[in-house]
Amino acid sequence: MKFGVVARRDKMEALKLAYRVYDFLKVSGYEVFVDRETYEHLREFREEDVLPLEDFDVDFIVVIGGDGTILRVEHRTRKEIPILGINMGTLGFLTEVEPHEAFFALSKLIEGDYHIDERIKLRTYLDGENRVPDALNEAAVLTGIPGKIIHLRYYIDGGLADEIRADGLIISTPTGSTGYAMSAGGPFVDPRLDVIVIAPLAPIALSSRPMIVPSYSTIDVRNLAVTREIILAIDGQFYTYLEPETDIRIKLSPRRAKFVRFTNEVYPKYTMRIKKKF
């Protein structure tokens, strides 16, 4: 069994716990690799065990951090590797255990006492090319000039769905429904559902409301303000400016995110964290 270890880079407690996890797994006789950025912030790991995230080829990745760290791992790894998230963030919607539970969780993982929770992702095509990371939470088309609205038209499976003047448009997975989409008035969606949430961001027209469509839908977005640049944001981690005439197509990704879970409870954890958030 091979493990990868990744920690958030701005918190020394996370880096130190990452080393303890690394040492525990090495002493237990497993192959363990650490991502290069974690190593750069704490050089106590063996240099021969350091790899870029893109080169991870392991059975599990132990991520010590918050949702942002997990999203970074999801964006940069090339394989569908199950993640065990140890919460060193604020809320940690995607994490499974708290730091004091880390070694108990690792023991259960080694013993095979776990299950895998799979989540859908979205793939964005720009002028027919896939050159941005898949979205675990959302792909958001946003105004490129703060304070200026954009004029968008979007289609679902080739049919016109709506034409909006707004700050943007959020296309979200169920996983992302508790994030940016919820702040735009979207619903909380059970992460076990294979659906997509489409939520206009601060639209002018009161008739422009969020909607839910099947995950196999194809969503095309057109910028009608041809003199105004727009921004594509993926999971709040990756941003790129787009030329006004860029064709944007969003579809279900063939890849899924995988998380190590120790219980089947969805609602207690999510409702508790949503209450903390608000």
C-alpha atoms as a PDB file:
ATOM      1  CA  MET A   1       0.000   0.000   0.000  1.00  0.00           C
ATOM      2  CA  LYS A   2       1.338   3.448  -0.948  1.00  0.00           C
ATOM      3  CA  PHE A   3       0.417   6.764   0.645  1.00  0.00           C
ATOM      4  CA  GLY A   4       0.810  10.407  -0.275  1.00  0.00           C
ATOM      5  CA  VAL A   5       0.900  13.192   2.321  1.00  0.00           C
ATOM      6  CA  VAL A   6      -0.038  16.811   1.621  1.00  0.00           C
ATOM      7  CA  ALA A   7      -0.403  19.693   4.084  1.00  0.00           C
ATOM      8  CA  ARG A   8      -1.582  23.274   3.911  1.00  0.00           C
ATOM      9  CA  ARG A   9       1.490  25.443   3.608  1.00  0.00           C
ATOM     10  CA  ASP A  10       0.550  28.400   5.794  1.00  0.00           C
ATOM     11  CA  LYS A  11      -0.033  26.594   9.084  1.00  0.00           C
ATOM     12  CA  MET A  12       2.860  25.090  11.018  1.00  0.00           C
ATOM     13  CA  GLU A  13       0.556  22.781  13.020  1.00  0.00           C
ATOM     14  CA  ALA A  14      -0.578  21.203   9.736  1.00  0.00           C
ATOM     15  CA  LEU A  15       2.996  20.747   8.532  1.00  0.00           C
ATOM     16  CA  LYS A  16       4.069  19.173  11.820  1.00  0.00           C
ATOM     17  CA  LEU A  17       1.094  16.809  11.787  1.00  0.00           C
ATOM     18  CA  ALA A  18       1.970  15.909   8.198  1.00  0.00           C
ATOM     19  CA  TYR A  19       5.440  14.867   9.350  1.00  0.00           C
ATOM     20  CA  ARG A  20       3.973  12.786  12.182  1.00  0.00           C
ATOM     21  CA  VAL A  21       1.630  11.054   9.719  1.00  0.00           C
ATOM     22  CA  TYR A  22       4.529  10.481   7.332  1.00  0.00           C
ATOM     23  CA  ASP A  23       6.697   9.045  10.113  1.00  0.00           C
ATOM     24  CA  PHE A  24       3.868   6.823  11.428  1.00  0.00           C
ATOM     25  CA  LEU A  25       3.258   5.319   7.988  1.00  0.00           C
ATOM     26  CA  LYS A  26       6.984   4.856   7.271  1.00  0.00           C
ATOM     27  CA  VAL A  27       7.539   3.109  10.595  1.00  0.00           C
ATOM     28  CA  SER A  28       4.506   0.918   9.830  1.00  0.00           C
ATOM     29  CA  GLY A  29       6.308  -0.276   6.704  1.00  0.00           C
ATOM     30  CA  TYR A  30       4.470   1.588   3.947  1.00  0.00           C
ATOM     31  CA  GLU A  31       5.786   3.584   1.019  1.00  0.00           C
ATOM     32  CA  VAL A  32       5.030   7.241   1.650  1.00  0.00           C
ATOM     33  CA  PHE A  33       5.503  10.264  -0.599  1.00  0.00           C
ATOM     34  CA  VAL A  34       5.243  13.951   0.230  1.00  0.00           C
ATOM     35  CA  ASP A  35       4.350  16.688  -2.227  1.00  0.00           C
ATOM     36  CA  ARG A  36       7.100  19.138  -3.071  1.00  0.00           C
ATOM     37  CA  GLU A  37       5.326  22.215  -1.696  1.00  0.00           C
ATOM     38  CA  THR A  38       4.843  20.613   1.715  1.00  0.00           C
ATOM     39  CA  TYR A  39       8.534  19.701   1.711  1.00  0.00           C
ATOM     40  CA  GLU A  40       9.556  23.248   0.796  1.00  0.00           C
ATOM     41  CA  HIS A  41       7.823  24.519   3.953  1.00  0.00           C
ATOM     42  CA  LEU A  42       9.117  21.782   6.277  1.00  0.00           C
ATOM     43  CA  ARG A  43      12.342  20.107   5.175  1.00  0.00           C
ATOM     44  CA  GLU A  44      12.258  17.259   7.686  1.00  0.00           C
ATOM     45  CA  PHE A  45      10.993  14.689   5.164  1.00  0.00           C
ATOM     46  CA  ARG A  46      13.427  12.474   3.274  1.00  0.00           C
ATOM     47  CA  GLU A  47      14.187  14.130  -0.035  1.00  0.00           C
ATOM     48  CA  GLU A  48      13.904  10.832  -1.932  1.00  0.00           C
ATOM     49  CA  ASP A  49      10.234  10.654  -0.861  1.00  0.00           C
ATOM     50  CA  VAL A  50       9.362  14.062  -2.344  1.00  0.00           C
ATOM     51  CA  LEU A  51       7.315  14.272  -5.554  1.00  0.00           C
ATOM     52  CA  PRO A  52       5.232  16.885  -7.388  1.00  0.00           C
ATOM     53  CA  LEU A  53       1.512  16.345  -6.868  1.00  0.00           C
ATOM     54  CA  GLU A  54       1.158  15.678 -10.581  1.00  0.00           C
ATOM     55  CA  ASP A  55       3.376  12.591 -10.213  1.00  0.00           C
ATOM     56  CA  PHE A  56       1.568  10.999  -7.267  1.00  0.00           C
ATOM     57  CA  ASP A  57       0.769   7.348  -8.020  1.00  0.00           C
ATOM     58  CA  VAL A  58      -0.429   6.092  -4.653  1.00  0.00           C
ATOM     59  CA  ASP A  59      -3.386   4.249  -3.140  1.00  0.00           C
ATOM     60  CA  PHE A  60      -4.446   7.051  -0.768  1.00  0.00           C
ATOM     61  CA  ILE A  61      -3.571  10.685  -0.150  1.00  0.00           C
ATOM     62  CA  VAL A  62      -3.720  12.001   3.410  1.00  0.00           C
ATOM     63  CA  VAL A  63      -4.504  15.710   3.222  1.00  0.00           C
ATOM     64  CA  ILE A  64      -3.960  17.840   6.329  1.00  0.00           C
ATOM     65  CA  GLY A  65      -5.729  21.126   5.749  1.00  0.00           C
ATOM     66  CA  GLY A  66      -9.069  22.572   4.769  1.00  0.00           C
ATOM     67  CA  ASP A  67     -11.190  22.444   1.653  1.00  0.00           C
ATOM     68  CA  GLY A  68      -8.741  24.672  -0.225  1.00  0.00           C
ATOM     69  CA  THR A  69      -5.922  22.166   0.247  1.00  0.00           C
ATOM     70  CA  ILE A  70      -8.155  19.312  -0.900  1.00  0.00           C
ATOM     71  CA  LEU A  71      -9.190  21.289  -3.983  1.00  0.00           C
ATOM     72  CA  ARG A  72      -5.528  21.941  -4.793  1.00  0.00           C
ATOM     73  CA  VAL A  73      -4.863  18.194  -4.651  1.00  0.00           C
ATOM     74  CA  GLU A  74      -7.903  17.446  -6.828  1.00  0.00           C
ATOM     75  CA  HIS A  75      -6.829  19.999  -9.437  1.00  0.00           C
ATOM     76  CA  ARG A  76      -3.279  18.754  -9.758  1.00  0.00           C
ATOM     77  CA  THR A  77      -3.315  14.982  -9.373  1.00  0.00           C
ATOM     78  CA  ARG A  78      -3.730  13.029 -12.584  1.00  0.00           C
ATOM     79  CA  LYS A  79      -5.453   9.960 -11.133  1.00  0.00           C
ATOM     80  CA  GLU A  80      -8.593   9.314  -9.105  1.00  0.00           C
ATOM     81  CA  ILE A  81      -6.867   8.766  -5.760  1.00  0.00           C
ATOM     82  CA  PRO A  82      -9.015   8.492  -2.603  1.00  0.00           C
ATOM     83  CA  ILE A  83      -8.392  11.305  -0.133  1.00  0.00           C
ATOM     84  CA  LEU A  84      -8.484  11.121   3.656  1.00  0.00           C
ATOM     85  CA  GLY A  85      -9.002  14.699   4.803  1.00  0.00           C
ATOM     86  CA  ILE A  86      -7.801  15.770   8.255  1.00  0.00           C
ATOM     87  CA  ASN A  87      -9.350  19.126   9.084  1.00  0.00           C
ATOM     88  CA  MET A  88      -6.928  21.988   9.607  1.00  0.00           C
ATOM     89  CA  GLY A  89      -9.227  24.521   7.966  1.00  0.00           C
ATOM     90  CA  THR A  90     -12.168  26.611   9.092  1.00  0.00           C
ATOM     91  CA  LEU A  91     -15.145  24.337   8.443  1.00  0.00           C
ATOM     92  CA  GLY A  92     -13.756  21.487   6.376  1.00  0.00           C
ATOM     93  CA  PHE A  93     -16.838  20.374   4.447  1.00  0.00           C
ATOM     94  CA  LEU A  94     -14.698  17.883   2.525  1.00  0.00           C
ATOM     95  CA  THR A  95     -12.576  16.608   5.403  1.00  0.00           C
ATOM     96  CA  GLU A  96     -13.459  13.521   7.423  1.00  0.00           C
ATOM     97  CA  VAL A  97     -11.700  13.735  10.802  1.00  0.00           C
ATOM     98  CA  GLU A  98     -10.244  16.258  13.220  1.00  0.00           C
ATOM     99  CA  PRO A  99      -6.501  16.322  14.042  1.00  0.00           C
ATOM    100  CA  HIS A 100      -6.904  14.461  17.339  1.00  0.00           C
ATOM    101  CA  GLU A 101      -8.543  11.586  15.415  1.00  0.00           C
ATOM    102  CA  ALA A 102      -5.822  11.361  12.759  1.00  0.00           C
ATOM    103  CA  PHE A 103      -3.981   8.235  13.900  1.00  0.00           C
ATOM    104  CA  PHE A 104      -7.150   6.380  14.874  1.00  0.00           C
ATOM    105  CA  ALA A 105      -8.438   7.125  11.348  1.00  0.00           C
ATOM    106  CA  LEU A 106      -5.191   5.932   9.770  1.00  0.00           C
ATOM    107  CA  SER A 107      -5.395   2.683  11.723  1.00  0.00           C
ATOM    108  CA  LYS A 108      -8.959   2.109  10.498  1.00  0.00           C
ATOM    109  CA  LEU A 109      -7.869   2.866   6.941  1.00  0.00           C
ATOM    110  CA  ILE A 110      -4.990   0.386   7.142  1.00  0.00           C
ATOM    111  CA  GLU A 111      -7.347  -2.247   8.565  1.00  0.00           C
ATOM    112  CA  GLY A 112      -9.780  -1.713   5.676  1.00  0.00           C
ATOM    113  CA  ASP A 113     -12.561  -0.365   7.913  1.00  0.00           C
ATOM    114  CA  TYR A 114     -13.761   2.427   5.628  1.00  0.00           C
ATOM    115  CA  HIS A 115     -15.789   3.120   2.495  1.00  0.00           C
ATOM    116  CA  ILE A 116     -15.272   5.395  -0.495  1.00  0.00           C
ATOM    117  CA  ASP A 117     -17.551   8.374  -1.087  1.00  0.00           C
ATOM    118  CA  GLU A 118     -17.543   9.397  -4.776  1.00  0.00           C
ATOM    119  CA  ARG A 119     -18.441  12.912  -5.932  1.00  0.00           C
ATOM    120  CA  ILE A 120     -19.105  14.148  -9.446  1.00  0.00           C
ATOM    121  CA  LYS A 121     -16.936  16.821 -11.063  1.00  0.00           C
ATOM    122  CA  LEU A 122     -17.533  19.220 -13.948  1.00  0.00           C
ATOM    123  CA  ARG A 123     -15.334  19.662 -16.996  1.00  0.00           C
ATOM    124  CA  THR A 124     -15.143  23.004 -18.814  1.00  0.00           C
ATOM    125  CA  TYR A 125     -14.342  23.317 -22.504  1.00  0.00           C
ATOM    126  CA  LEU A 126     -13.192  26.658 -23.920  1.00  0.00           C
ATOM    127  CA  ASP A 127     -13.695  26.874 -27.691  1.00  0.00           C
ATOM    128  CA  GLY A 128     -13.880  23.083 -27.656  1.00  0.00           C
ATOM    129  CA  GLU A 129     -10.643  22.559 -25.697  1.00  0.00           C
ATOM    130  CA  ASN A 130     -10.242  21.336 -22.131  1.00  0.00           C
ATOM    131  CA  ARG A 131      -7.431  23.464 -20.722  1.00  0.00           C
ATOM    132  CA  VAL A 132      -8.616  24.184 -17.167  1.00  0.00           C
ATOM    133  CA  PRO A 133      -8.941  21.898 -14.111  1.00  0.00           C
ATOM    134  CA  ASP A 134     -12.117  19.939 -13.490  1.00  0.00           C
ATOM    135  CA  ALA A 135     -14.389  21.552 -10.892  1.00  0.00           C
ATOM    136  CA  LEU A 136     -15.289  19.660  -7.736  1.00  0.00           C
ATOM    137  CA  ASN A 137     -17.329  22.598  -6.403  1.00  0.00           C
ATOM    138  CA  GLU A 138     -18.213  24.918  -9.255  1.00  0.00           C
ATOM    139  CA  ALA A 139     -17.298  26.650 -12.469  1.00  0.00           C
ATOM    140  CA  ALA A 140     -18.248  30.334 -12.289  1.00  0.00           C
ATOM    141  CA  VAL A 141     -18.431  32.791 -15.186  1.00  0.00           C
ATOM    142  CA  LEU A 142     -17.902  36.224 -13.646  1.00  0.00           C
ATOM    143  CA  THR A 143     -17.660  39.848 -14.653  1.00  0.00           C
ATOM    144  CA  GLY A 144     -14.103  40.901 -15.412  1.00  0.00           C
ATOM    145  CA  ILE A 145     -14.714  44.421 -14.087  1.00  0.00           C
ATOM    146  CA  PRO A 146     -15.953  44.744 -10.482  1.00  0.00           C
ATOM    147  CA  GLY A 147     -19.136  46.790 -10.341  1.00  0.00           C
ATOM    148  CA  LYS A 148     -19.997  46.087 -13.990  1.00  0.00           C
ATOM    149  CA  ILE A 149     -22.558  43.448 -14.857  1.00  0.00           C
ATOM    150  CA  ILE A 150     -22.235  41.014 -17.732  1.00  0.00           C
ATOM    151  CA  HIS A 151     -24.846  39.960 -20.265  1.00  0.00           C
ATOM    152  CA  LEU A 152     -25.010  36.182 -20.663  1.00  0.00           C
ATOM    153  CA  ARG A 153     -27.170  33.676 -22.450  1.00  0.00           C
ATOM    154  CA  TYR A 154     -27.033  30.043 -21.423  1.00  0.00           C
ATOM    155  CA  TYR A 155     -28.365  26.887 -22.992  1.00  0.00           C
ATOM    156  CA  ILE A 156     -29.146  23.446 -21.579  1.00  0.00           C
ATOM    157  CA  ASP A 157     -28.753  20.571 -24.033  1.00  0.00           C
ATOM    158  CA  GLY A 158     -28.969  23.044 -26.922  1.00  0.00           C
ATOM    159  CA  GLY A 159     -32.146  24.768 -25.745  1.00  0.00           C
ATOM    160  CA  LEU A 160     -32.154  28.363 -24.497  1.00  0.00           C
ATOM    161  CA  ALA A 161     -32.564  28.340 -20.706  1.00  0.00           C
ATOM    162  CA  ASP A 162     -32.228  32.022 -19.837  1.00  0.00           C
ATOM    163  CA  GLU A 163     -30.663  35.336 -20.768  1.00  0.00           C
ATOM    164  CA  ILE A 164     -29.348  37.263 -17.799  1.00  0.00           C
ATOM    165  CA  ARG A 165     -27.726  40.527 -16.827  1.00  0.00           C
ATOM    166  CA  ALA A 166     -25.891  39.747 -13.623  1.00  0.00           C
ATOM    167  CA  ASP A 167     -22.556  39.624 -11.833  1.00  0.00           C
ATOM    168  CA  GLY A 168     -22.083  36.120 -13.168  1.00  0.00           C
ATOM    169  CA  LEU A 169     -23.353  32.588 -13.462  1.00  0.00           C
ATOM    170  CA  ILE A 170     -22.433  29.689 -11.173  1.00  0.00           C
ATOM    171  CA  ILE A 171     -22.589  26.090 -12.380  1.00  0.00           C
ATOM    172  CA  SER A 172     -22.203  23.871  -9.332  1.00  0.00           C
ATOM    173  CA  THR A 173     -22.003  20.236  -8.303  1.00  0.00           C
ATOM    174  CA  PRO A 174     -23.888  18.992  -5.216  1.00  0.00           C
ATOM    175  CA  THR A 175     -20.568  19.191  -3.355  1.00  0.00           C
ATOM    176  CA  GLY A 176     -20.339  22.889  -4.241  1.00  0.00           C
ATOM    177  CA  SER A 177     -23.943  23.598  -3.336  1.00  0.00           C
ATOM    178  CA  THR A 178     -22.898  24.604   0.189  1.00  0.00           C
ATOM    179  CA  GLY A 179     -20.442  27.190  -1.157  1.00  0.00           C
ATOM    180  CA  TYR A 180     -20.615  29.898  -3.797  1.00  0.00           C
ATOM    181  CA  ALA A 181     -23.896  28.610  -5.251  1.00  0.00           C
ATOM    182  CA  MET A 182     -25.607  28.780  -1.867  1.00  0.00           C
ATOM    183  CA  SER A 183     -24.481  32.396  -1.414  1.00  0.00           C
ATOM    184  CA  ALA A 184     -26.205  33.123  -4.746  1.00  0.00           C
ATOM    185  CA  GLY A 185     -29.484  31.693  -3.458  1.00  0.00           C
ATOM    186  CA  GLY A 186     -29.009  28.114  -4.621  1.00  0.00           C
ATOM    187  CA  PRO A 187     -30.296  25.140  -2.597  1.00  0.00           C
ATOM    188  CA  PHE A 188     -28.392  22.718  -0.413  1.00  0.00           C
ATOM    189  CA  VAL A 189     -28.184  19.539  -2.501  1.00  0.00           C
ATOM    190  CA  ASP A 190     -27.561  16.099  -1.036  1.00  0.00           C
ATOM    191  CA  PRO A 191     -24.030  15.194  -2.250  1.00  0.00           C
ATOM    192  CA  ARG A 192     -25.246  11.699  -3.151  1.00  0.00           C
ATOM    193  CA  LEU A 193     -27.306  13.129  -6.033  1.00  0.00           C
ATOM    194  CA  ASP A 194     -25.954  13.362  -9.582  1.00  0.00           C
ATOM    195  CA  VAL A 195     -27.300  16.787 -10.515  1.00  0.00           C
ATOM    196  CA  ILE A 196     -26.000  20.225 -11.472  1.00  0.00           C
ATOM    197  CA  VAL A 197     -27.084  23.516  -9.901  1.00  0.00           C
ATOM    198  CA  ILE A 198     -27.201  26.610 -12.137  1.00  0.00           C
ATOM    199  CA  ALA A 199     -27.377  29.839 -10.132  1.00  0.00           C
ATOM    200  CA  PRO A 200     -27.282  33.387 -11.544  1.00  0.00           C
ATOM    201  CA  LEU A 201     -25.178  35.687  -9.353  1.00  0.00           C
ATOM    202  CA  ALA A 202     -27.048  38.871  -8.378  1.00  0.00           C
ATOM    203  CA  PRO A 203     -29.263  38.996 -11.505  1.00  0.00           C
ATOM    204  CA  ILE A 204     -31.219  42.130 -12.365  1.00  0.00           C
ATOM    205  CA  ALA A 205     -34.385  40.254 -13.368  1.00  0.00           C
ATOM    206  CA  LEU A 206     -36.308  38.676 -10.493  1.00  0.00           C
ATOM    207  CA  SER A 207     -37.381  35.906 -12.847  1.00  0.00           C
ATOM    208  CA  SER A 208     -33.799  34.622 -13.173  1.00  0.00           C
ATOM    209  CA  ARG A 209     -33.732  31.958 -10.495  1.00  0.00           C
ATOM    210  CA  PRO A 210     -31.484  28.979  -9.675  1.00  0.00           C
ATOM    211  CA  MET A 211     -32.370  25.664 -11.291  1.00  0.00           C
ATOM    212  CA  ILE A 212     -31.335  22.033 -10.963  1.00  0.00           C
ATOM    213  CA  VAL A 213     -30.682  19.867 -14.019  1.00  0.00           C
ATOM    214  CA  PRO A 214     -29.496  16.265 -14.495  1.00  0.00           C
ATOM    215  CA  SER A 215     -25.756  15.741 -14.306  1.00  0.00           C
ATOM    216  CA  TYR A 216     -25.643  14.469 -17.895  1.00  0.00           C
ATOM    217  CA  SER A 217     -26.772  17.881 -19.166  1.00  0.00           C
ATOM    218  CA  THR A 218     -24.573  20.008 -21.421  1.00  0.00           C
ATOM    219  CA  ILE A 219     -24.495  23.697 -20.461  1.00  0.00           C
ATOM    220  CA  ASP A 220     -23.326  26.286 -22.987  1.00  0.00           C
ATOM    221  CA  VAL A 221     -22.661  29.881 -21.947  1.00  0.00           C
ATOM    222  CA  ARG A 222     -22.372  32.829 -24.350  1.00  0.00           C
ATOM    223  CA  ASN A 223     -21.171  36.314 -23.488  1.00  0.00           C
ATOM    224  CA  LEU A 224     -23.401  38.799 -25.302  1.00  0.00           C
ATOM    225  CA  ALA A 225     -21.360  41.858 -24.259  1.00  0.00           C
ATOM    226  CA  VAL A 226     -18.718  41.328 -26.913  1.00  0.00           C
ATOM    227  CA  THR A 227     -16.530  44.213 -25.759  1.00  0.00           C
ATOM    228  CA  ARG A 228     -16.251  43.021 -22.160  1.00  0.00           C
ATOM    229  CA  GLU A 229     -13.853  40.391 -20.831  1.00  0.00           C
ATOM    230  CA  ILE A 230     -15.119  37.760 -18.423  1.00  0.00           C
ATOM    231  CA  ILE A 231     -13.437  35.602 -15.813  1.00  0.00           C
ATOM    232  CA  LEU A 232     -13.749  31.855 -15.460  1.00  0.00           C
ATOM    233  CA  ALA A 233     -13.198  30.695 -11.881  1.00  0.00           C
ATOM    234  CA  ILE A 234     -12.838  27.012 -11.011  1.00  0.00           C
ATOM    235  CA  ASP A 235     -13.470  26.151  -7.342  1.00  0.00           C
ATOM    236  CA  GLY A 236     -12.211  29.573  -6.267  1.00  0.00           C
ATOM    237  CA  GLN A 237      -8.688  28.232  -6.865  1.00  0.00           C
ATOM    238  CA  PHE A 238      -8.075  28.682 -10.571  1.00  0.00           C
ATOM    239  CA  TYR A 239      -8.881  31.881 -12.511  1.00  0.00           C
ATOM    240  CA  THR A 240      -8.457  32.857 -16.131  1.00  0.00           C
ATOM    241  CA  TYR A 241      -9.598  35.832 -18.216  1.00  0.00           C
ATOM    242  CA  LEU A 242     -11.536  34.902 -21.337  1.00  0.00           C
ATOM    243  CA  GLU A 243     -11.934  36.779 -24.564  1.00  0.00           C
ATOM    244  CA  PRO A 244     -15.533  38.040 -24.913  1.00  0.00           C
ATOM    245  CA  GLU A 245     -16.356  35.698 -27.801  1.00  0.00           C
ATOM    246  CA  THR A 246     -15.091  32.507 -26.071  1.00  0.00           C
ATOM    247  CA  ASP A 247     -17.507  29.577 -26.273  1.00  0.00           C
ATOM    248  CA  ILE A 248     -17.918  27.989 -22.845  1.00  0.00           C
ATOM    249  CA  ARG A 249     -19.272  24.461 -22.501  1.00  0.00           C
ATOM    250  CA  ILE A 250     -19.639  22.652 -19.171  1.00  0.00           C
ATOM    251  CA  LYS A 251     -20.327  18.936 -18.881  1.00  0.00           C
ATOM    252  CA  LEU A 252     -20.035  16.094 -16.422  1.00  0.00           C
ATOM    253  CA  SER A 253     -16.395  15.076 -16.082  1.00  0.00           C
ATOM    254  CA  PRO A 254     -15.445  11.435 -16.680  1.00  0.00           C
ATOM    255  CA  ARG A 255     -13.423  11.705 -13.474  1.00  0.00           C
ATOM    256  CA  ARG A 256     -14.810  11.639  -9.948  1.00  0.00           C
ATOM    257  CA  ALA A 257     -13.416  12.760  -6.633  1.00  0.00           C
ATOM    258  CA  LYS A 258     -13.058   9.996  -4.043  1.00  0.00           C
ATOM    259  CA  PHE A 259     -13.031  10.457  -0.280  1.00  0.00           C
ATOM    260  CA  VAL A 260     -12.343   8.035   2.536  1.00  0.00           C
ATOM    261  CA  ARG A 261     -15.316   7.927   4.920  1.00  0.00           C
ATOM    262  CA  PHE A 262     -15.853   6.014   8.153  1.00  0.00           C
ATOM    263  CA  THR A 263     -19.620   6.493   8.518  1.00  0.00           C
ATOM    264  CA  ASN A 264     -22.558   6.722   6.127  1.00  0.00           C
ATOM    265  CA  GLU A 265     -23.997   9.764   7.869  1.00  0.00           C
ATOM    266  CA  VAL A 266     -24.425  12.687   5.480  1.00  0.00           C
ATOM    267  CA  TYR A 267     -26.916  15.057   7.047  1.00  0.00           C
ATOM    268  CA  PRO A 268     -25.614  15.326  10.644  1.00  0.00           C
ATOM    269  CA  LYS A 269     -22.155  16.427   9.487  1.00  0.00           C
ATOM    270  CA  TYR A 270     -23.380  18.733   6.716  1.00  0.00           C
ATOM    271  CA  THR A 271     -26.154  20.409   8.678  1.00  0.00           C
ATOM    272  CA  MET A 272     -23.795  20.987  11.612  1.00  0.00           C
ATOM    273  CA  ARG A 273     -21.215  22.631   9.366  1.00  0.00           C
ATOM    274  CA  ILE A 274     -23.807  24.708   7.513  1.00  0.00           C
ATOM    275  CA  LYS A 275     -25.052  26.031  10.871  1.00  0.00           C
ATOM    276  CA  LYS A 276     -21.481  26.932  11.821  1.00  0.00           C
ATOM    277  CA  LYS A 277     -21.046  28.694   8.489  1.00  0.00           C
ATOM    278  CA  PHE A 278     -24.080  30.903   8.939  1.00  0.00           C
END
